[in-house]
Amino acid sequence: MVDLQDRIKSLTSAKESLIIIKDDIADTKGDKSMSGWVIALIVIAAVIVGLFVLTFLVYMFNLDMRLMAFMEKILLNHYDKVERDEHL
C-alpha cells in the first residue's frame, strides 16, 4: 500500500513538472530571434551566391564547350544514320 502511494506521489510530481515545462515552452514559442523576412533574404542570398559559384566554375573550366564536344560525337552518329532524300 505504501509502495502504491509513493508511486502516485512520484507520478503527480512528474505531471506537475511536465506542466511547468510545457508552460515554459509555450511562453518561449512566440519569441523568435529572426523574423521570416530575414530568413527569406538569407535563403535568397545563398541561392544567388550558389548560382554565381556554379556559373563561375562552368566558365573557368570551360565546361560548356566540353559538354558540347562530348555531345557532338553522339549527335553526329545520330545524324549520319538519318535517311536523306538525295534527289535533285
N, C-alpha and C. Protein backbone atom coordinates (compact mmCIF):
# COMPACT_ATOMS: atom_id res chain seq x y z
N MET A 1 0.82 -1.19 0.00
CA MET A 1 0.00 0.00 0.00
C MET A 1 0.87 1.26 0.00
N VAL A 2 1.93 1.23 0.79
CA VAL A 2 2.83 2.38 0.87
C VAL A 2 3.56 2.56 -0.47
N ASP A 3 3.91 1.45 -1.08
CA ASP A 3 4.60 1.50 -2.36
C ASP A 3 3.71 2.14 -3.42
N LEU A 4 2.42 1.83 -3.40
CA LEU A 4 1.47 2.40 -4.35
C LEU A 4 1.32 3.89 -4.11
N GLN A 5 1.30 4.31 -2.88
CA GLN A 5 1.18 5.74 -2.57
C GLN A 5 2.43 6.50 -3.02
N ASP A 6 3.58 5.90 -2.87
CA ASP A 6 4.82 6.53 -3.32
C ASP A 6 4.83 6.69 -4.84
N ARG A 7 4.34 5.68 -5.53
CA ARG A 7 4.29 5.77 -7.00
C ARG A 7 3.32 6.85 -7.44
N ILE A 8 2.20 6.97 -6.75
CA ILE A 8 1.22 8.00 -7.09
C ILE A 8 1.82 9.38 -6.86
N LYS A 9 2.52 9.56 -5.75
CA LYS A 9 3.15 10.85 -5.46
C LYS A 9 4.21 11.19 -6.51
N SER A 10 5.01 10.20 -6.90
CA SER A 10 6.04 10.46 -7.90
C SER A 10 5.42 10.79 -9.25
N LEU A 11 4.31 10.12 -9.60
CA LEU A 11 3.65 10.41 -10.87
C LEU A 11 3.02 11.80 -10.86
N THR A 12 2.43 12.20 -9.77
CA THR A 12 1.83 13.54 -9.72
C THR A 12 2.91 14.61 -9.76
N SER A 13 4.04 14.38 -9.10
CA SER A 13 5.12 15.38 -9.17
C SER A 13 5.71 15.44 -10.58
N ALA A 14 5.80 14.30 -11.25
CA ALA A 14 6.27 14.29 -12.63
C ALA A 14 5.30 15.03 -13.54
N LYS A 15 3.99 14.84 -13.28
CA LYS A 15 2.98 15.54 -14.06
C LYS A 15 3.08 17.05 -13.86
N GLU A 16 3.29 17.47 -12.63
CA GLU A 16 3.42 18.90 -12.34
C GLU A 16 4.66 19.48 -13.02
N SER A 17 5.76 18.74 -13.01
CA SER A 17 6.97 19.24 -13.66
C SER A 17 6.79 19.31 -15.18
N LEU A 18 6.06 18.35 -15.76
CA LEU A 18 5.78 18.41 -17.19
C LEU A 18 4.90 19.59 -17.54
N ILE A 19 3.95 19.91 -16.68
CA ILE A 19 3.09 21.07 -16.92
C ILE A 19 3.91 22.35 -16.89
N ILE A 20 4.85 22.43 -15.95
CA ILE A 20 5.72 23.61 -15.87
C ILE A 20 6.58 23.73 -17.12
N ILE A 21 7.13 22.61 -17.57
CA ILE A 21 7.96 22.63 -18.79
C ILE A 21 7.12 23.02 -20.00
N LYS A 22 5.90 22.51 -20.08
CA LYS A 22 5.01 22.84 -21.18
C LYS A 22 4.68 24.32 -21.19
N ASP A 23 4.44 24.90 -20.03
CA ASP A 23 4.17 26.34 -19.94
C ASP A 23 5.39 27.16 -20.36
N ASP A 24 6.59 26.71 -19.97
CA ASP A 24 7.81 27.41 -20.38
C ASP A 24 7.99 27.37 -21.89
N ILE A 25 7.71 26.23 -22.49
CA ILE A 25 7.83 26.10 -23.94
C ILE A 25 6.80 26.98 -24.64
N ALA A 26 5.57 27.03 -24.11
CA ALA A 26 4.53 27.86 -24.71
C ALA A 26 4.89 29.34 -24.60
N ASP A 27 5.54 29.74 -23.52
CA ASP A 27 5.93 31.14 -23.35
C ASP A 27 7.03 31.53 -24.33
N THR A 28 7.98 30.63 -24.56
CA THR A 28 9.10 30.96 -25.44
C THR A 28 8.80 30.68 -26.90
N LYS A 29 7.65 30.04 -27.20
CA LYS A 29 7.34 29.70 -28.58
C LYS A 29 7.15 30.94 -29.44
N GLY A 30 6.60 31.99 -28.89
CA GLY A 30 6.37 33.21 -29.65
C GLY A 30 7.62 34.02 -29.85
N ASP A 31 8.66 33.79 -29.06
CA ASP A 31 9.89 34.55 -29.19
C ASP A 31 10.75 33.94 -30.29
N LYS A 32 10.85 34.66 -31.37
CA LYS A 32 11.69 34.19 -32.47
C LYS A 32 12.83 35.18 -32.63
N SER A 33 14.03 34.65 -32.74
CA SER A 33 15.18 35.53 -32.83
C SER A 33 15.27 36.19 -34.21
N MET A 34 14.85 35.49 -35.25
CA MET A 34 14.89 36.07 -36.60
C MET A 34 13.49 36.03 -37.19
N SER A 35 13.14 37.07 -37.86
CA SER A 35 11.82 37.09 -38.47
C SER A 35 11.86 36.31 -39.79
N GLY A 36 10.71 36.05 -40.32
CA GLY A 36 10.62 35.27 -41.56
C GLY A 36 11.26 35.98 -42.73
N TRP A 37 11.21 37.31 -42.73
CA TRP A 37 11.81 38.06 -43.82
C TRP A 37 13.32 37.93 -43.84
N VAL A 38 13.92 37.93 -42.66
CA VAL A 38 15.37 37.82 -42.59
C VAL A 38 15.81 36.45 -43.09
N ILE A 39 15.10 35.42 -42.69
CA ILE A 39 15.43 34.07 -43.14
C ILE A 39 15.24 33.95 -44.66
N ALA A 40 14.16 34.55 -45.17
CA ALA A 40 13.92 34.51 -46.62
C ALA A 40 15.04 35.23 -47.38
N LEU A 41 15.48 36.36 -46.86
CA LEU A 41 16.58 37.09 -47.52
C LEU A 41 17.87 36.30 -47.48
N ILE A 42 18.13 35.61 -46.38
CA ILE A 42 19.34 34.79 -46.28
C ILE A 42 19.29 33.65 -47.29
N VAL A 43 18.14 33.02 -47.43
CA VAL A 43 17.98 31.91 -48.38
C VAL A 43 18.15 32.42 -49.81
N ILE A 44 17.56 33.57 -50.13
CA ILE A 44 17.69 34.13 -51.48
C ILE A 44 19.14 34.47 -51.77
N ALA A 45 19.82 35.07 -50.79
CA ALA A 45 21.24 35.42 -50.98
C ALA A 45 22.08 34.16 -51.18
N ALA A 46 21.78 33.10 -50.43
CA ALA A 46 22.53 31.85 -50.57
C ALA A 46 22.31 31.24 -51.95
N VAL A 47 21.09 31.31 -52.46
CA VAL A 47 20.80 30.77 -53.80
C VAL A 47 21.55 31.57 -54.86
N ILE A 48 21.55 32.89 -54.73
CA ILE A 48 22.24 33.73 -55.71
C ILE A 48 23.75 33.46 -55.69
N VAL A 49 24.32 33.36 -54.50
CA VAL A 49 25.75 33.07 -54.40
C VAL A 49 26.06 31.69 -54.96
N GLY A 50 25.21 30.71 -54.68
CA GLY A 50 25.41 29.36 -55.21
C GLY A 50 25.37 29.32 -56.73
N LEU A 51 24.41 30.04 -57.32
CA LEU A 51 24.33 30.09 -58.77
C LEU A 51 25.54 30.80 -59.37
N PHE A 52 26.01 31.86 -58.71
CA PHE A 52 27.20 32.55 -59.20
C PHE A 52 28.41 31.62 -59.18
N VAL A 53 28.58 30.89 -58.09
CA VAL A 53 29.72 29.96 -57.99
C VAL A 53 29.63 28.89 -59.06
N LEU A 54 28.42 28.38 -59.29
CA LEU A 54 28.24 27.36 -60.32
C LEU A 54 28.59 27.89 -61.71
N THR A 55 28.09 29.06 -62.06
CA THR A 55 28.40 29.61 -63.38
C THR A 55 29.87 29.99 -63.48
N PHE A 56 30.48 30.42 -62.39
CA PHE A 56 31.90 30.75 -62.41
C PHE A 56 32.74 29.50 -62.68
N LEU A 57 32.36 28.37 -62.06
CA LEU A 57 33.08 27.12 -62.31
C LEU A 57 32.92 26.65 -63.76
N VAL A 58 31.72 26.82 -64.30
CA VAL A 58 31.49 26.45 -65.71
C VAL A 58 32.37 27.30 -66.61
N TYR A 59 32.48 28.60 -66.30
CA TYR A 59 33.29 29.50 -67.10
C TYR A 59 34.78 29.18 -66.97
N MET A 60 35.24 28.96 -65.76
CA MET A 60 36.68 28.77 -65.53
C MET A 60 37.19 27.48 -66.15
N PHE A 61 36.40 26.42 -66.09
CA PHE A 61 36.84 25.13 -66.61
C PHE A 61 36.30 24.84 -68.00
N ASN A 62 35.64 25.82 -68.62
CA ASN A 62 35.14 25.70 -69.99
C ASN A 62 34.24 24.46 -70.13
N LEU A 63 33.40 24.25 -69.14
CA LEU A 63 32.59 23.03 -69.11
C LEU A 63 31.50 23.01 -70.18
N ASP A 64 31.05 24.18 -70.62
CA ASP A 64 30.02 24.19 -71.65
C ASP A 64 30.57 23.67 -72.98
N MET A 65 31.76 24.04 -73.35
CA MET A 65 32.34 23.55 -74.60
C MET A 65 32.77 22.09 -74.48
N ARG A 66 33.16 21.67 -73.30
CA ARG A 66 33.50 20.25 -73.11
C ARG A 66 32.25 19.39 -73.26
N LEU A 67 31.15 19.89 -72.74
CA LEU A 67 29.89 19.17 -72.90
C LEU A 67 29.49 19.11 -74.36
N MET A 68 29.64 20.21 -75.08
CA MET A 68 29.28 20.21 -76.49
C MET A 68 30.19 19.30 -77.31
N ALA A 69 31.47 19.22 -76.96
CA ALA A 69 32.37 18.31 -77.68
C ALA A 69 31.95 16.87 -77.45
N PHE A 70 31.50 16.55 -76.26
CA PHE A 70 31.03 15.19 -75.97
C PHE A 70 29.72 14.92 -76.71
N MET A 71 28.81 15.90 -76.69
CA MET A 71 27.52 15.72 -77.34
C MET A 71 27.65 15.68 -78.86
N GLU A 72 28.68 16.34 -79.42
CA GLU A 72 28.86 16.37 -80.86
C GLU A 72 29.05 14.97 -81.43
N LYS A 73 29.80 14.13 -80.72
CA LYS A 73 30.02 12.76 -81.18
C LYS A 73 28.69 12.00 -81.25
N ILE A 74 27.89 12.16 -80.22
CA ILE A 74 26.60 11.46 -80.18
C ILE A 74 25.68 11.98 -81.28
N LEU A 75 25.63 13.30 -81.46
CA LEU A 75 24.75 13.89 -82.47
C LEU A 75 25.20 13.54 -83.88
N LEU A 76 26.50 13.51 -84.11
CA LEU A 76 26.98 13.15 -85.45
C LEU A 76 26.62 11.70 -85.78
N ASN A 77 26.75 10.81 -84.82
CA ASN A 77 26.36 9.42 -85.07
C ASN A 77 24.87 9.32 -85.40
N HIS A 78 24.06 10.11 -84.70
CA HIS A 78 22.63 10.08 -84.95
C HIS A 78 22.31 10.62 -86.34
N TYR A 79 22.87 11.76 -86.71
CA TYR A 79 22.54 12.37 -87.99
C TYR A 79 23.16 11.62 -89.16
N ASP A 80 24.22 10.87 -88.94
CA ASP A 80 24.76 10.04 -90.02
C ASP A 80 23.83 8.88 -90.35
N LYS A 81 23.04 8.44 -89.41
CA LYS A 81 22.13 7.32 -89.62
C LYS A 81 20.79 7.75 -90.22
N VAL A 82 20.50 9.04 -90.24
CA VAL A 82 19.21 9.53 -90.75
C VAL A 82 19.18 9.37 -92.27
N GLU A 83 18.07 8.83 -92.77
CA GLU A 83 17.93 8.67 -94.22
C GLU A 83 17.65 10.02 -94.86
N ARG A 84 18.28 10.25 -96.02
CA ARG A 84 18.13 11.53 -96.69
C ARG A 84 17.56 11.32 -98.10
N ASP A 85 16.83 12.29 -98.51
CA ASP A 85 16.32 12.29 -99.87
C ASP A 85 17.38 12.97 -100.75
N GLU A 86 18.05 12.21 -101.61
CA GLU A 86 19.17 12.74 -102.38
C GLU A 86 18.80 13.07 -103.82
N HIS A 87 17.52 13.18 -104.11
CA HIS A 87 17.10 13.52 -105.47
C HIS A 87 17.31 14.99 -105.71
N LEU A 88 17.75 15.29 -106.94
CA LEU A 88 17.96 16.69 -107.32
C LEU A 88 16.82 17.21 -108.14
